Protein backbone atom coordinates (compact mmCIF):
# COMPACT_ATOMS: atom_id res chain seq x y z
CA MET A 1 -22.04 3.03 -44.97
CA GLN A 2 -24.34 5.78 -46.18
CA GLN A 3 -28.10 5.79 -45.92
CA VAL A 4 -30.17 7.21 -48.78
CA THR A 5 -33.89 7.68 -49.31
CA ILE A 6 -35.74 6.15 -52.24
CA GLY A 7 -37.87 8.79 -53.95
CA SER A 8 -41.45 8.45 -55.22
CA LYS A 9 -40.11 7.32 -58.62
CA TYR A 10 -37.80 4.74 -56.97
CA GLN A 11 -34.72 6.92 -57.60
CA ILE A 12 -31.78 7.37 -55.24
CA VAL A 13 -29.07 10.01 -55.06
CA LEU A 14 -25.52 8.86 -54.42
CA PRO A 15 -24.01 10.74 -51.48
CA LYS A 16 -21.06 13.02 -52.20
CA GLU A 17 -18.65 10.81 -50.25
CA VAL A 18 -19.60 7.79 -52.38
CA ARG A 19 -19.27 9.75 -55.65
CA LYS A 20 -15.78 10.88 -54.66
CA LYS A 21 -14.67 7.29 -54.07
CA LEU A 22 -16.21 6.06 -57.34
CA LYS A 23 -14.09 8.00 -59.80
CA ALA A 24 -15.46 5.90 -62.67
CA ILE A 25 -18.99 7.24 -62.26
CA ARG A 26 -20.30 10.43 -63.85
CA PRO A 27 -23.73 11.79 -64.73
CA GLY A 28 -25.13 9.76 -67.59
CA ASN A 29 -23.19 6.59 -66.74
CA LYS A 30 -25.09 3.34 -66.57
CA VAL A 31 -25.06 0.98 -63.61
CA HIS A 32 -26.21 -2.61 -63.19
CA VAL A 33 -28.44 -3.40 -60.22
CA TYR A 34 -28.72 -6.98 -59.00
CA PRO A 35 -31.05 -8.20 -56.26
CA ILE A 36 -29.13 -10.45 -53.87
CA ASP A 37 -32.01 -11.27 -51.57
CA GLU A 38 -35.16 -9.50 -50.33
CA GLU A 39 -33.17 -6.79 -48.52
CA THR A 40 -29.90 -6.52 -50.44
CA LEU A 41 -28.96 -4.91 -53.76
CA GLU A 42 -25.65 -4.99 -55.56
CA VAL A 43 -24.87 -2.00 -57.75
CA LYS A 44 -22.02 -2.14 -60.28
CA VAL A 45 -20.84 0.62 -62.57
CA SER A 46 -21.09 -0.46 -66.21
CA LYS A 47 -17.86 -0.38 -68.15
CA GLN A 48 -17.83 2.17 -70.93
CA ASN A 49 -16.71 1.35 -74.42
CA TRP A 50 -12.99 1.76 -75.11
CA SER A 51 -13.22 5.14 -76.81
CA ASP A 52 -15.36 6.71 -74.07
CA GLU A 53 -13.18 5.25 -71.35
CA ASN A 54 -9.95 6.56 -72.89
CA TYR A 55 -11.21 9.89 -74.22
CA GLY A 56 -8.71 12.59 -73.26
CA ALA A 57 -6.18 10.14 -71.81
CA LEU A 58 -3.34 11.56 -73.92
CA LYS A 59 -4.42 15.18 -73.65
CA LYS A 60 -1.42 16.19 -71.52
CA TYR A 61 1.00 14.88 -74.17
CA TRP A 62 -0.63 17.00 -76.89
CA LYS A 63 -0.64 20.19 -74.81
CA GLY A 64 0.66 23.08 -76.92
CA ILE A 65 0.73 20.98 -80.12
CA ASP A 66 -1.65 21.62 -83.01
CA PRO A 67 -2.85 18.10 -83.90
CA ILE A 68 -3.85 19.05 -87.45
CA ALA A 69 -0.43 20.56 -88.16
CA GLU A 70 1.22 17.48 -86.64
CA VAL A 71 -0.76 15.11 -88.87
CA GLU A 72 0.05 17.20 -91.95
CA LYS A 73 3.75 17.09 -90.98
CA MET A 74 3.57 13.26 -90.71
CA ARG A 75 1.87 13.03 -94.11
CA ASP A 76 4.62 15.16 -95.66
CA GLU A 77 7.24 12.84 -94.16
CA TRP A 78 5.48 9.79 -95.62
CA ASP A 79 5.39 11.32 -99.09
CA LYS A 80 9.18 11.70 -99.16
C-alpha cells in the first residue's frame, strides 16, 4: 500500500509503482471515484471507447507495409 498526500486543490499523484501496475492508465485518462465510507475511497479506471482502446493494436502486423498502397491494391483486385 502506498501513501500519498492530497494537495491544496484536492489532487493526488499516483506513485510510480502503482502506475507501472496499472497499464491501462495514462495521462488524460478518466477515473471514477466512489466513497465507500467516511475514510475509504474506491478508484476505478474508466474504460475507453473501442477505438481509443484498440488504437495501434495491429501496428506490428503493418510494419513495413504502406497502408495506402495496400488499400489501392485491394481496390484494384475488387474491380477485376
